[in-house]
Amino acid sequence: MRQALSRAFAVDWGRYPAFGRWFANRTLFWGAFILLNTFLLFYLIDVVGMVEATAQGFVGQISTVIGVSIILVTLPSGWLADRFGRRPLTAASGVIACLGTVALLFVRSTTLLTVAGLFVGSGIGIFLSSNWALVTDIVPRGEAARYLGIANIATAGGSAIARFLGGASIDALNNLLNSASAGYLIMFGVAAAAFLASALLALTIPTTRTDRE
C-alpha cells in the first residue's frame, strides 16, 4: 500500500518544472482567496466597524457580487485564454485580485467594498478558466490523468494553509500589537502579496512541448 501510494503521488519536479511552478501559482492564489473568504465577516466587524447583523447581511451581498462576477467572466476568460494565451490571463487574474484586496485594506464604505469584491470575483473567474486550461497544456501526456489528480492538492493545500495561517496569526498579532485590527490588516496584506506573487510566478511557467513529454 505504501509503495502504491508513493507511486500514485510521486511528482518528478525536476523533469516537469512547469508543473511545479503551476502548482505553486495555484496554491498561492487559492490560499489568498480562502484567507479573504474565511475571515471577511470578522474583518468587517473588527476593522470596518459593522455590527454583526449588518456584517452578516453584507457578506451575503458581497458573496453574491463575487459569484455573479465569476459567472460573467469565466466563459469570456476561456475564450481570451485561447486567443492570447493561458499565462497572460492567469497572471492578469492575480493582479486584478490583488488590486481588489488592496482596496479592501483602505476603503470603508459599503459601495467601495462592493467594488473591491467585484475586482476579487473577476480575478477568481479569470483564474478558474485560464489556470486550469494552463495545467492541461503542461502535464506530461503519458500521465495526464494522474498529474491532474495531483493538481487538485494545490487547491486543497492552499485552502488548508490559509485557514491555519489566518486562525493562528490574526488574534496573535492583534494581541501582540494591542490592536483589534492589526492582525486582519497584516494577513489581508499577505493575501494581496500572495495574489501578486502568483501573477509573477505565472509568467515564469514554461509551456514548451518538451515540458509536456
N, C-alpha and C. Protein backbone atom coordinates (compact mmCIF):
# COMPACT_ATOMS: atom_id res chain seq x y z
N MET A 1 0.83 -1.20 0.00
CA MET A 1 0.00 0.00 0.00
C MET A 1 0.87 1.26 0.00
N ARG A 2 1.94 1.23 0.81
CA ARG A 2 2.82 2.39 0.87
C ARG A 2 3.47 2.65 -0.49
N GLN A 3 3.91 1.60 -1.14
CA GLN A 3 4.54 1.75 -2.45
C GLN A 3 3.54 2.24 -3.50
N ALA A 4 2.31 1.73 -3.42
CA ALA A 4 1.28 2.15 -4.37
C ALA A 4 0.97 3.63 -4.21
N LEU A 5 0.83 4.08 -2.96
CA LEU A 5 0.56 5.50 -2.72
C LEU A 5 1.73 6.36 -3.14
N SER A 6 2.93 5.86 -2.89
CA SER A 6 4.12 6.62 -3.28
C SER A 6 4.18 6.80 -4.78
N ARG A 7 3.86 5.75 -5.53
CA ARG A 7 3.86 5.86 -7.00
C ARG A 7 2.73 6.77 -7.48
N ALA A 8 1.57 6.68 -6.81
CA ALA A 8 0.41 7.47 -7.24
C ALA A 8 0.64 8.96 -7.08
N PHE A 9 1.35 9.35 -6.02
CA PHE A 9 1.52 10.77 -5.72
C PHE A 9 2.91 11.29 -6.05
N ALA A 10 3.74 10.46 -6.66
CA ALA A 10 5.10 10.90 -7.00
C ALA A 10 5.07 11.92 -8.13
N VAL A 11 5.84 12.99 -7.97
CA VAL A 11 5.95 14.03 -8.99
C VAL A 11 7.43 14.26 -9.28
N ASP A 12 7.79 14.20 -10.53
CA ASP A 12 9.16 14.47 -10.94
C ASP A 12 9.29 15.98 -11.19
N TRP A 13 9.51 16.71 -10.09
CA TRP A 13 9.54 18.18 -10.19
C TRP A 13 10.67 18.66 -11.08
N GLY A 14 11.80 17.95 -11.07
CA GLY A 14 12.93 18.37 -11.88
C GLY A 14 12.67 18.19 -13.36
N ARG A 15 11.99 17.11 -13.73
CA ARG A 15 11.72 16.85 -15.14
C ARG A 15 10.59 17.73 -15.66
N TYR A 16 9.65 18.06 -14.78
CA TYR A 16 8.49 18.86 -15.20
C TYR A 16 8.41 20.15 -14.37
N PRO A 17 9.35 21.08 -14.59
CA PRO A 17 9.36 22.32 -13.79
C PRO A 17 8.11 23.16 -14.00
N ALA A 18 7.51 23.06 -15.17
CA ALA A 18 6.29 23.84 -15.43
C ALA A 18 5.19 23.45 -14.46
N PHE A 19 5.07 22.16 -14.19
CA PHE A 19 4.02 21.71 -13.27
C PHE A 19 4.30 22.21 -11.86
N GLY A 20 5.55 22.20 -11.44
CA GLY A 20 5.89 22.70 -10.11
C GLY A 20 5.54 24.17 -9.94
N ARG A 21 5.83 24.96 -10.95
CA ARG A 21 5.52 26.39 -10.86
C ARG A 21 4.01 26.63 -10.93
N TRP A 22 3.33 25.83 -11.76
CA TRP A 22 1.87 25.94 -11.80
C TRP A 22 1.30 25.58 -10.43
N PHE A 23 1.81 24.53 -9.81
CA PHE A 23 1.32 24.08 -8.51
C PHE A 23 1.48 25.20 -7.47
N ALA A 24 2.64 25.85 -7.48
CA ALA A 24 2.87 26.95 -6.54
C ALA A 24 1.96 28.13 -6.84
N ASN A 25 1.75 28.41 -8.12
CA ASN A 25 0.86 29.50 -8.52
C ASN A 25 -0.55 29.28 -7.99
N ARG A 26 -1.07 28.07 -8.17
CA ARG A 26 -2.44 27.80 -7.73
C ARG A 26 -2.54 27.81 -6.20
N THR A 27 -1.52 27.27 -5.53
CA THR A 27 -1.53 27.27 -4.07
C THR A 27 -1.57 28.69 -3.53
N LEU A 28 -0.77 29.58 -4.09
CA LEU A 28 -0.73 30.97 -3.64
C LEU A 28 -2.06 31.67 -3.90
N PHE A 29 -2.56 31.54 -5.13
CA PHE A 29 -3.79 32.24 -5.48
C PHE A 29 -4.96 31.74 -4.65
N TRP A 30 -5.14 30.42 -4.61
CA TRP A 30 -6.31 29.90 -3.93
C TRP A 30 -6.21 30.10 -2.42
N GLY A 31 -5.01 30.00 -1.87
CA GLY A 31 -4.83 30.28 -0.45
C GLY A 31 -5.20 31.71 -0.10
N ALA A 32 -4.81 32.66 -0.97
CA ALA A 32 -5.15 34.06 -0.73
C ALA A 32 -6.66 34.27 -0.74
N PHE A 33 -7.33 33.65 -1.71
CA PHE A 33 -8.79 33.80 -1.78
C PHE A 33 -9.47 33.20 -0.54
N ILE A 34 -9.04 32.03 -0.12
CA ILE A 34 -9.66 31.39 1.05
C ILE A 34 -9.40 32.20 2.31
N LEU A 35 -8.23 32.80 2.41
CA LEU A 35 -7.94 33.66 3.55
C LEU A 35 -8.92 34.83 3.62
N LEU A 36 -9.16 35.47 2.48
CA LEU A 36 -10.12 36.57 2.45
C LEU A 36 -11.53 36.07 2.78
N ASN A 37 -11.92 35.00 2.14
CA ASN A 37 -13.28 34.50 2.28
C ASN A 37 -13.58 34.03 3.70
N THR A 38 -12.60 33.38 4.33
CA THR A 38 -12.82 32.81 5.66
C THR A 38 -12.97 33.88 6.73
N PHE A 39 -12.17 34.95 6.62
CA PHE A 39 -12.12 35.93 7.71
C PHE A 39 -12.77 37.27 7.36
N LEU A 40 -13.49 37.32 6.23
CA LEU A 40 -14.11 38.59 5.83
C LEU A 40 -15.14 39.07 6.83
N LEU A 41 -15.97 38.18 7.35
CA LEU A 41 -17.01 38.59 8.30
C LEU A 41 -16.38 39.25 9.52
N PHE A 42 -15.36 38.64 10.08
CA PHE A 42 -14.72 39.19 11.27
C PHE A 42 -13.97 40.47 10.94
N TYR A 43 -13.45 40.57 9.72
CA TYR A 43 -12.80 41.80 9.27
C TYR A 43 -13.79 42.96 9.25
N LEU A 44 -14.98 42.70 8.73
CA LEU A 44 -15.99 43.76 8.68
C LEU A 44 -16.41 44.20 10.07
N ILE A 45 -16.45 43.28 10.99
CA ILE A 45 -16.85 43.62 12.36
C ILE A 45 -15.74 44.35 13.10
N ASP A 46 -14.54 43.78 13.10
CA ASP A 46 -13.45 44.29 13.94
C ASP A 46 -12.67 45.43 13.31
N VAL A 47 -12.64 45.50 11.97
CA VAL A 47 -11.85 46.54 11.31
C VAL A 47 -12.74 47.63 10.73
N VAL A 48 -13.74 47.23 9.95
CA VAL A 48 -14.62 48.22 9.33
C VAL A 48 -15.57 48.83 10.35
N GLY A 49 -15.93 48.05 11.38
CA GLY A 49 -16.77 48.57 12.45
C GLY A 49 -18.25 48.30 12.29
N MET A 50 -18.62 47.32 11.46
CA MET A 50 -20.03 46.97 11.32
C MET A 50 -20.50 46.17 12.52
N VAL A 51 -21.77 46.33 12.86
CA VAL A 51 -22.36 45.44 13.85
C VAL A 51 -22.55 44.07 13.21
N GLU A 52 -22.63 43.03 14.02
CA GLU A 52 -22.60 41.67 13.50
C GLU A 52 -23.71 41.40 12.48
N ALA A 53 -24.94 41.83 12.80
CA ALA A 53 -26.06 41.55 11.89
C ALA A 53 -25.85 42.24 10.54
N THR A 54 -25.38 43.48 10.58
CA THR A 54 -25.11 44.21 9.34
C THR A 54 -24.00 43.54 8.54
N ALA A 55 -22.96 43.12 9.26
CA ALA A 55 -21.83 42.46 8.60
C ALA A 55 -22.27 41.16 7.95
N GLN A 56 -23.11 40.40 8.63
CA GLN A 56 -23.58 39.14 8.05
C GLN A 56 -24.38 39.38 6.77
N GLY A 57 -25.24 40.38 6.79
CA GLY A 57 -26.01 40.72 5.60
C GLY A 57 -25.12 41.19 4.47
N PHE A 58 -24.09 41.98 4.81
CA PHE A 58 -23.21 42.50 3.77
C PHE A 58 -22.34 41.39 3.18
N VAL A 59 -21.92 40.43 4.01
CA VAL A 59 -21.15 39.30 3.49
C VAL A 59 -21.99 38.53 2.47
N GLY A 60 -23.27 38.34 2.76
CA GLY A 60 -24.15 37.69 1.79
C GLY A 60 -24.23 38.47 0.50
N GLN A 61 -24.31 39.80 0.63
CA GLN A 61 -24.40 40.66 -0.56
C GLN A 61 -23.12 40.59 -1.38
N ILE A 62 -21.98 40.71 -0.71
CA ILE A 62 -20.71 40.73 -1.43
C ILE A 62 -20.39 39.35 -2.01
N SER A 63 -20.86 38.30 -1.34
CA SER A 63 -20.68 36.95 -1.88
C SER A 63 -21.46 36.79 -3.17
N THR A 64 -22.65 37.39 -3.21
CA THR A 64 -23.44 37.37 -4.44
C THR A 64 -22.73 38.12 -5.56
N VAL A 65 -22.17 39.28 -5.22
CA VAL A 65 -21.43 40.06 -6.22
C VAL A 65 -20.26 39.26 -6.76
N ILE A 66 -19.52 38.61 -5.86
CA ILE A 66 -18.37 37.81 -6.28
C ILE A 66 -18.83 36.65 -7.16
N GLY A 67 -19.92 35.99 -6.74
CA GLY A 67 -20.43 34.86 -7.52
C GLY A 67 -20.88 35.27 -8.90
N VAL A 68 -21.60 36.38 -8.99
CA VAL A 68 -22.07 36.85 -10.30
C VAL A 68 -20.89 37.23 -11.19
N SER A 69 -19.92 37.91 -10.61
CA SER A 69 -18.76 38.31 -11.41
C SER A 69 -17.99 37.10 -11.91
N ILE A 70 -17.90 36.04 -11.08
CA ILE A 70 -17.25 34.80 -11.52
C ILE A 70 -17.98 34.22 -12.72
N ILE A 71 -19.32 34.16 -12.62
CA ILE A 71 -20.13 33.60 -13.71
C ILE A 71 -19.94 34.40 -14.99
N LEU A 72 -19.92 35.72 -14.86
CA LEU A 72 -19.88 36.58 -16.05
C LEU A 72 -18.53 36.54 -16.76
N VAL A 73 -17.45 36.34 -16.01
CA VAL A 73 -16.13 36.44 -16.65
C VAL A 73 -15.52 35.08 -16.99
N THR A 74 -16.04 33.99 -16.43
CA THR A 74 -15.38 32.70 -16.62
C THR A 74 -15.35 32.28 -18.09
N LEU A 75 -16.50 32.29 -18.76
CA LEU A 75 -16.54 31.86 -20.16
C LEU A 75 -15.76 32.81 -21.08
N PRO A 76 -15.96 34.13 -20.98
CA PRO A 76 -15.13 35.02 -21.81
C PRO A 76 -13.64 34.84 -21.55
N SER A 77 -13.28 34.54 -20.31
CA SER A 77 -11.87 34.34 -19.98
C SER A 77 -11.31 33.12 -20.69
N GLY A 78 -12.12 32.08 -20.81
CA GLY A 78 -11.68 30.91 -21.55
C GLY A 78 -11.39 31.24 -23.00
N TRP A 79 -12.25 32.04 -23.61
CA TRP A 79 -12.04 32.46 -24.99
C TRP A 79 -10.77 33.31 -25.11
N LEU A 80 -10.58 34.24 -24.16
CA LEU A 80 -9.39 35.09 -24.18
C LEU A 80 -8.12 34.26 -23.97
N ALA A 81 -8.21 33.25 -23.09
CA ALA A 81 -7.05 32.39 -22.85
C ALA A 81 -6.66 31.64 -24.11
N ASP A 82 -7.65 31.20 -24.88
CA ASP A 82 -7.37 30.52 -26.15
C ASP A 82 -6.74 31.48 -27.16
N ARG A 83 -7.18 32.72 -27.11
CA ARG A 83 -6.73 33.70 -28.12
C ARG A 83 -5.38 34.32 -27.76
N PHE A 84 -5.17 34.64 -26.48
CA PHE A 84 -3.96 35.37 -26.09
C PHE A 84 -3.00 34.55 -25.23
N GLY A 85 -3.40 33.37 -24.83
CA GLY A 85 -2.51 32.53 -24.05
C GLY A 85 -2.97 32.38 -22.61
N ARG A 86 -2.67 31.22 -22.03
CA ARG A 86 -3.10 30.93 -20.66
C ARG A 86 -2.31 31.72 -19.62
N ARG A 87 -0.98 31.84 -19.85
CA ARG A 87 -0.15 32.51 -18.86
C ARG A 87 -0.52 33.98 -18.66
N PRO A 88 -0.70 34.76 -19.73
CA PRO A 88 -1.07 36.17 -19.51
C PRO A 88 -2.38 36.33 -18.75
N LEU A 89 -3.36 35.47 -19.05
CA LEU A 89 -4.65 35.57 -18.35
C LEU A 89 -4.51 35.14 -16.89
N THR A 90 -3.73 34.10 -16.64
CA THR A 90 -3.51 33.66 -15.26
C THR A 90 -2.80 34.75 -14.46
N ALA A 91 -1.81 35.38 -15.08
CA ALA A 91 -1.11 36.48 -14.41
C ALA A 91 -2.04 37.66 -14.17
N ALA A 92 -2.88 37.98 -15.17
CA ALA A 92 -3.82 39.09 -15.01
C ALA A 92 -4.79 38.83 -13.87
N SER A 93 -5.21 37.58 -13.70
CA SER A 93 -6.15 37.27 -12.62
C SER A 93 -5.54 37.57 -11.26
N GLY A 94 -4.25 37.28 -11.10
CA GLY A 94 -3.59 37.58 -9.83
C GLY A 94 -3.49 39.07 -9.57
N VAL A 95 -3.19 39.83 -10.62
CA VAL A 95 -3.08 41.29 -10.48
C VAL A 95 -4.44 41.90 -10.12
N ILE A 96 -5.49 41.47 -10.80
CA ILE A 96 -6.83 42.01 -10.55
C ILE A 96 -7.29 41.68 -9.13
N ALA A 97 -7.08 40.43 -8.71
CA ALA A 97 -7.47 40.05 -7.35
C ALA A 97 -6.64 40.80 -6.31
N CYS A 98 -5.37 41.04 -6.63
CA CYS A 98 -4.52 41.81 -5.72
C CYS A 98 -5.04 43.24 -5.55
N LEU A 99 -5.44 43.87 -6.66
CA LEU A 99 -5.98 45.23 -6.58
C LEU A 99 -7.24 45.27 -5.72
N GLY A 100 -8.11 44.28 -5.89
CA GLY A 100 -9.31 44.24 -5.06
C GLY A 100 -8.99 44.06 -3.60
N THR A 101 -7.99 43.25 -3.29
CA THR A 101 -7.61 43.02 -1.89
C THR A 101 -6.99 44.26 -1.28
N VAL A 102 -6.14 44.94 -2.04
CA VAL A 102 -5.54 46.19 -1.54
C VAL A 102 -6.64 47.21 -1.26
N ALA A 103 -7.65 47.27 -2.13
CA ALA A 103 -8.76 48.19 -1.89
C ALA A 103 -9.48 47.87 -0.58
N LEU A 104 -9.64 46.57 -0.28
CA LEU A 104 -10.29 46.19 0.97
C LEU A 104 -9.55 46.73 2.18
N LEU A 105 -8.25 46.91 2.07
CA LEU A 105 -7.45 47.40 3.20
C LEU A 105 -7.71 48.87 3.50
N PHE A 106 -8.19 49.62 2.51
CA PHE A 106 -8.26 51.07 2.67
C PHE A 106 -9.68 51.64 2.64
N VAL A 107 -10.59 51.01 1.90
CA VAL A 107 -11.93 51.58 1.78
C VAL A 107 -12.80 51.11 2.93
N ARG A 108 -13.81 51.91 3.26
CA ARG A 108 -14.68 51.57 4.37
C ARG A 108 -16.17 51.68 4.01
N SER A 109 -16.51 52.37 2.95
CA SER A 109 -17.92 52.46 2.56
C SER A 109 -18.37 51.16 1.92
N THR A 110 -19.64 50.83 2.09
CA THR A 110 -20.15 49.58 1.53
C THR A 110 -20.07 49.57 0.01
N THR A 111 -20.24 50.74 -0.61
CA THR A 111 -20.17 50.81 -2.07
C THR A 111 -18.78 50.44 -2.57
N LEU A 112 -17.76 51.05 -1.96
CA LEU A 112 -16.39 50.77 -2.39
C LEU A 112 -15.96 49.36 -2.00
N LEU A 113 -16.45 48.86 -0.88
CA LEU A 113 -16.15 47.48 -0.51
C LEU A 113 -16.75 46.51 -1.53
N THR A 114 -17.93 46.84 -2.03
CA THR A 114 -18.57 46.01 -3.05
C THR A 114 -17.76 46.03 -4.35
N VAL A 115 -17.26 47.21 -4.71
CA VAL A 115 -16.41 47.32 -5.90
C VAL A 115 -15.15 46.48 -5.73
N ALA A 116 -14.57 46.53 -4.52
CA ALA A 116 -13.39 45.71 -4.24
C ALA A 116 -13.72 44.22 -4.40
N GLY A 117 -14.89 43.82 -3.91
CA GLY A 117 -15.33 42.44 -4.07
C GLY A 117 -15.51 42.06 -5.53
N LEU A 118 -15.97 43.02 -6.33
CA LEU A 118 -16.14 42.79 -7.77
C LEU A 118 -14.80 42.51 -8.43
N PHE A 119 -13.78 43.24 -8.04
CA PHE A 119 -12.44 43.01 -8.57
C PHE A 119 -11.94 41.61 -8.19
N VAL A 120 -12.11 41.26 -6.91
CA VAL A 120 -11.66 39.94 -6.46
C VAL A 120 -12.40 38.84 -7.21
N GLY A 121 -13.72 39.00 -7.33
CA GLY A 121 -14.51 38.00 -8.04
C GLY A 121 -14.12 37.88 -9.49
N SER A 122 -13.84 39.00 -10.13
CA SER A 122 -13.42 38.96 -11.54
C SER A 122 -12.09 38.23 -11.67
N GLY A 123 -11.18 38.51 -10.74
CA GLY A 123 -9.89 37.82 -10.75
C GLY A 123 -10.06 36.32 -10.61
N ILE A 124 -10.96 35.92 -9.72
CA ILE A 124 -11.20 34.48 -9.50
C ILE A 124 -11.79 33.85 -10.76
N GLY A 125 -12.75 34.52 -11.38
CA GLY A 125 -13.37 33.98 -12.59
C GLY A 125 -12.36 33.78 -13.70
N ILE A 126 -11.49 34.76 -13.90
CA ILE A 126 -10.44 34.64 -14.92
C ILE A 126 -9.51 33.49 -14.57
N PHE A 127 -9.16 33.38 -13.29
CA PHE A 127 -8.24 32.34 -12.84
C PHE A 127 -8.82 30.95 -13.07
N LEU A 128 -10.10 30.77 -12.77
CA LEU A 128 -10.71 29.45 -12.89
C LEU A 128 -10.62 28.91 -14.31
N SER A 129 -10.75 29.79 -15.29
CA SER A 129 -10.65 29.34 -16.68
C SER A 129 -9.22 29.17 -17.13
N SER A 130 -8.42 30.22 -16.96
CA SER A 130 -7.09 30.23 -17.55
C SER A 130 -6.13 29.29 -16.83
N ASN A 131 -6.22 29.21 -15.51
CA ASN A 131 -5.28 28.39 -14.76
C ASN A 131 -5.47 26.91 -15.03
N TRP A 132 -6.73 26.47 -15.09
CA TRP A 132 -6.96 25.04 -15.34
C TRP A 132 -6.64 24.70 -16.79
N ALA A 133 -6.91 25.61 -17.71
CA ALA A 133 -6.51 25.38 -19.11
C ALA A 133 -5.00 25.28 -19.22
N LEU A 134 -4.30 26.09 -18.43
CA LEU A 134 -2.84 26.07 -18.46
C LEU A 134 -2.28 24.73 -18.01
N VAL A 135 -2.84 24.17 -16.95
CA VAL A 135 -2.29 22.90 -16.46
C VAL A 135 -2.55 21.77 -17.44
N THR A 136 -3.64 21.83 -18.17
CA THR A 136 -3.88 20.78 -19.17
C THR A 136 -2.87 20.83 -20.30
N ASP A 137 -2.25 22.01 -20.49
CA ASP A 137 -1.21 22.14 -21.51
C ASP A 137 0.13 21.58 -21.07
N ILE A 138 0.41 21.60 -19.75
CA ILE A 138 1.77 21.33 -19.30
C ILE A 138 1.95 19.99 -18.61
N VAL A 139 0.87 19.29 -18.26
CA VAL A 139 1.05 17.98 -17.64
C VAL A 139 1.62 17.00 -18.66
N PRO A 140 2.46 16.06 -18.22
CA PRO A 140 3.03 15.08 -19.16
C PRO A 140 1.93 14.23 -19.79
N ARG A 141 1.97 14.05 -21.07
CA ARG A 141 0.87 13.41 -21.78
C ARG A 141 0.64 11.97 -21.32
N GLY A 142 1.73 11.26 -21.05
CA GLY A 142 1.58 9.86 -20.66
C GLY A 142 1.00 9.66 -19.27
N GLU A 143 1.00 10.73 -18.45
CA GLU A 143 0.48 10.64 -17.08
C GLU A 143 -0.48 11.79 -16.78
N ALA A 144 -1.18 12.23 -17.79
CA ALA A 144 -2.01 13.43 -17.64
C ALA A 144 -3.06 13.27 -16.55
N ALA A 145 -3.76 12.14 -16.51
CA ALA A 145 -4.83 11.97 -15.53
C ALA A 145 -4.28 11.99 -14.10
N ARG A 146 -3.14 11.32 -13.90
CA ARG A 146 -2.55 11.28 -12.56
C ARG A 146 -2.09 12.66 -12.13
N TYR A 147 -1.45 13.38 -13.03
CA TYR A 147 -0.96 14.72 -12.68
C TYR A 147 -2.13 15.69 -12.44
N LEU A 148 -3.20 15.55 -13.20
CA LEU A 148 -4.36 16.42 -12.95
C LEU A 148 -5.00 16.09 -11.60
N GLY A 149 -4.97 14.82 -11.21
CA GLY A 149 -5.45 14.47 -9.88
C GLY A 149 -4.60 15.10 -8.80
N ILE A 150 -3.27 15.03 -8.98
CA ILE A 150 -2.36 15.65 -8.02
C ILE A 150 -2.54 17.16 -8.00
N ALA A 151 -2.89 17.75 -9.15
CA ALA A 151 -3.07 19.20 -9.23
C ALA A 151 -4.12 19.70 -8.25
N ASN A 152 -5.12 18.86 -7.97
CA ASN A 152 -6.16 19.29 -7.03
C ASN A 152 -5.64 19.47 -5.61
N ILE A 153 -4.48 18.86 -5.32
CA ILE A 153 -3.89 19.05 -3.99
C ILE A 153 -3.51 20.51 -3.78
N ALA A 154 -3.16 21.21 -4.86
CA ALA A 154 -2.82 22.63 -4.74
C ALA A 154 -4.00 23.43 -4.21
N THR A 155 -5.21 23.10 -4.68
CA THR A 155 -6.41 23.79 -4.20
C THR A 155 -6.66 23.47 -2.74
N ALA A 156 -6.64 22.18 -2.41
CA ALA A 156 -6.90 21.78 -1.03
C ALA A 156 -5.80 22.27 -0.10
N GLY A 157 -4.56 22.17 -0.56
CA GLY A 157 -3.44 22.61 0.27
C GLY A 157 -3.46 24.10 0.53
N GLY A 158 -3.74 24.88 -0.52
CA GLY A 158 -3.82 26.32 -0.33
C GLY A 158 -4.92 26.71 0.64
N SER A 159 -6.05 26.01 0.57
CA SER A 159 -7.16 26.28 1.48
C SER A 159 -6.77 25.97 2.91
N ALA A 160 -6.14 24.83 3.12
CA ALA A 160 -5.75 24.43 4.48
C ALA A 160 -4.72 25.38 5.07
N ILE A 161 -3.73 25.75 4.26
CA ILE A 161 -2.70 26.67 4.74
C ILE A 161 -3.30 28.02 5.12
N ALA A 162 -4.22 28.51 4.28
CA ALA A 162 -4.82 29.82 4.54
C ALA A 162 -5.63 29.82 5.84
N ARG A 163 -6.42 28.79 6.05
CA ARG A 163 -7.24 28.74 7.26
C ARG A 163 -6.36 28.62 8.50
N PHE A 164 -5.34 27.79 8.42
CA PHE A 164 -4.44 27.64 9.56
C PHE A 164 -3.67 28.93 9.83
N LEU A 165 -3.12 29.52 8.77
CA LEU A 165 -2.33 30.73 8.92
C LEU A 165 -3.15 31.88 9.50
N GLY A 166 -4.35 32.08 8.95
CA GLY A 166 -5.20 33.15 9.45
C GLY A 166 -5.64 32.90 10.88
N GLY A 167 -6.08 31.67 11.16
CA GLY A 167 -6.54 31.35 12.50
C GLY A 167 -5.46 31.46 13.54
N ALA A 168 -4.23 31.09 13.17
CA ALA A 168 -3.13 31.12 14.13
C ALA A 168 -2.53 32.51 14.29
N SER A 169 -2.67 33.36 13.27
CA SER A 169 -1.93 34.62 13.25
C SER A 169 -2.74 35.85 13.63
N ILE A 170 -4.01 35.90 13.23
CA ILE A 170 -4.76 37.15 13.39
C ILE A 170 -4.88 37.56 14.85
N ASP A 171 -5.38 36.67 15.69
CA ASP A 171 -5.52 37.00 17.11
C ASP A 171 -4.16 37.23 17.76
N ALA A 172 -3.17 36.41 17.38
CA ALA A 172 -1.84 36.56 17.96
C ALA A 172 -1.25 37.93 17.63
N LEU A 173 -1.41 38.37 16.40
CA LEU A 173 -0.90 39.69 16.01
C LEU A 173 -1.69 40.81 16.68
N ASN A 174 -3.00 40.64 16.78
CA ASN A 174 -3.80 41.64 17.49
C ASN A 174 -3.34 41.80 18.93
N ASN A 175 -3.12 40.68 19.59
CA ASN A 175 -2.67 40.72 20.99
C ASN A 175 -1.27 41.30 21.10
N LEU A 176 -0.39 40.90 20.19
CA LEU A 176 0.99 41.39 20.23
C LEU A 176 1.06 42.89 20.02
N LEU A 177 0.23 43.40 19.11
CA LEU A 177 0.26 44.82 18.77
C LEU A 177 -0.79 45.62 19.51
N ASN A 178 -1.52 44.95 20.42
CA ASN A 178 -2.55 45.62 21.22
C ASN A 178 -3.54 46.38 20.33
N SER A 179 -4.06 45.64 19.34
CA SER A 179 -4.96 46.25 18.36
C SER A 179 -6.04 45.26 17.98
N ALA A 180 -7.21 45.77 17.68
CA ALA A 180 -8.30 44.90 17.24
C ALA A 180 -8.28 44.68 15.74
N SER A 181 -7.42 45.42 15.03
CA SER A 181 -7.45 45.36 13.57
C SER A 181 -6.12 44.99 12.93
N ALA A 182 -5.01 45.14 13.63
CA ALA A 182 -3.69 44.96 13.01
C ALA A 182 -3.52 43.57 12.41
N GLY A 183 -3.97 42.54 13.12
CA GLY A 183 -3.82 41.18 12.62
C GLY A 183 -4.54 40.98 11.30
N TYR A 184 -5.75 41.51 11.19
CA TYR A 184 -6.51 41.39 9.94
C TYR A 184 -5.81 42.13 8.81
N LEU A 185 -5.36 43.35 9.09
CA LEU A 185 -4.72 44.15 8.05
C LEU A 185 -3.44 43.47 7.56
N ILE A 186 -2.67 42.92 8.48
CA ILE A 186 -1.43 42.24 8.08
C ILE A 186 -1.74 41.01 7.24
N MET A 187 -2.71 40.20 7.68
CA MET A 187 -2.99 38.96 6.96
C MET A 187 -3.68 39.23 5.61
N PHE A 188 -4.52 40.26 5.54
CA PHE A 188 -5.09 40.62 4.25
C PHE A 188 -4.01 41.18 3.33
N GLY A 189 -3.02 41.85 3.93
CA GLY A 189 -1.86 42.29 3.15
C GLY A 189 -1.08 41.11 2.63
N VAL A 190 -0.96 40.06 3.44
CA VAL A 190 -0.32 38.83 3.00
C VAL A 190 -1.09 38.23 1.82
N ALA A 191 -2.42 38.26 1.90
CA ALA A 191 -3.24 37.74 0.80
C ALA A 191 -2.99 38.53 -0.49
N ALA A 192 -2.93 39.86 -0.37
CA ALA A 192 -2.64 40.69 -1.55
C ALA A 192 -1.28 40.33 -2.14
N ALA A 193 -0.29 40.15 -1.26
CA ALA A 193 1.05 39.79 -1.73
C ALA A 193 1.04 38.41 -2.39
N ALA A 194 0.25 37.49 -1.86
CA ALA A 194 0.17 36.15 -2.45
C ALA A 194 -0.46 36.20 -3.84
N PHE A 195 -1.51 37.02 -3.99
CA PHE A 195 -2.10 37.20 -5.32
C PHE A 195 -1.07 37.73 -6.31
N LEU A 196 -0.32 38.74 -5.88
CA LEU A 196 0.68 39.34 -6.77
C LEU A 196 1.80 38.34 -7.08
N ALA A 197 2.23 37.60 -6.06
CA ALA A 197 3.28 36.60 -6.27
C ALA A 197 2.81 35.53 -7.25
N SER A 198 1.53 35.15 -7.15
CA SER A 198 1.00 34.15 -8.08
C SER A 198 1.04 34.68 -9.52
N ALA A 199 0.77 35.97 -9.68
CA ALA A 199 0.80 36.57 -11.02
C ALA A 199 2.22 36.56 -11.59
N LEU A 200 3.19 36.95 -10.78
CA LEU A 200 4.57 36.96 -11.24
C LEU A 200 5.06 35.55 -11.55
N LEU A 201 4.65 34.60 -10.72
CA LEU A 201 5.05 33.22 -10.93
C LEU A 201 4.44 32.65 -12.21
N ALA A 202 3.21 33.04 -12.50
CA ALA A 202 2.54 32.55 -13.71
C ALA A 202 3.33 32.89 -14.97
N LEU A 203 3.96 34.05 -14.97
CA LEU A 203 4.71 34.49 -16.15
C LEU A 203 5.98 33.68 -16.37
N THR A 204 6.41 32.94 -15.35
CA THR A 204 7.64 32.15 -15.48
C THR A 204 7.37 30.69 -15.84
N ILE A 205 6.11 30.31 -15.95
CA ILE A 205 5.78 28.90 -16.21
C ILE A 205 6.12 28.58 -17.66
N PRO A 206 7.05 27.65 -17.89
CA PRO A 206 7.35 27.27 -19.28
C PRO A 206 6.22 26.45 -19.89
N THR A 207 6.00 26.64 -21.17
CA THR A 207 4.92 25.91 -21.83
C THR A 207 5.40 25.25 -23.12
N THR A 208 6.69 24.97 -23.21
CA THR A 208 7.21 24.33 -24.41
C THR A 208 6.82 22.86 -24.44
N ARG A 209 6.86 22.27 -25.62
CA ARG A 209 6.44 20.88 -25.79
C ARG A 209 7.32 19.94 -24.99
N THR A 210 8.60 20.25 -24.80
CA THR A 210 9.48 19.35 -24.08
C THR A 210 9.09 19.21 -22.63
N ASP A 211 8.41 20.20 -22.07
CA ASP A 211 7.95 20.11 -20.70
C ASP A 211 6.79 19.15 -20.57
N ARG A 212 6.08 18.88 -21.67
CA ARG A 212 4.87 18.07 -21.57
C ARG A 212 5.14 16.60 -21.92
N GLU A 213 6.30 16.34 -22.44
CA GLU A 213 6.54 14.98 -22.91
C GLU A 213 7.49 14.25 -21.96
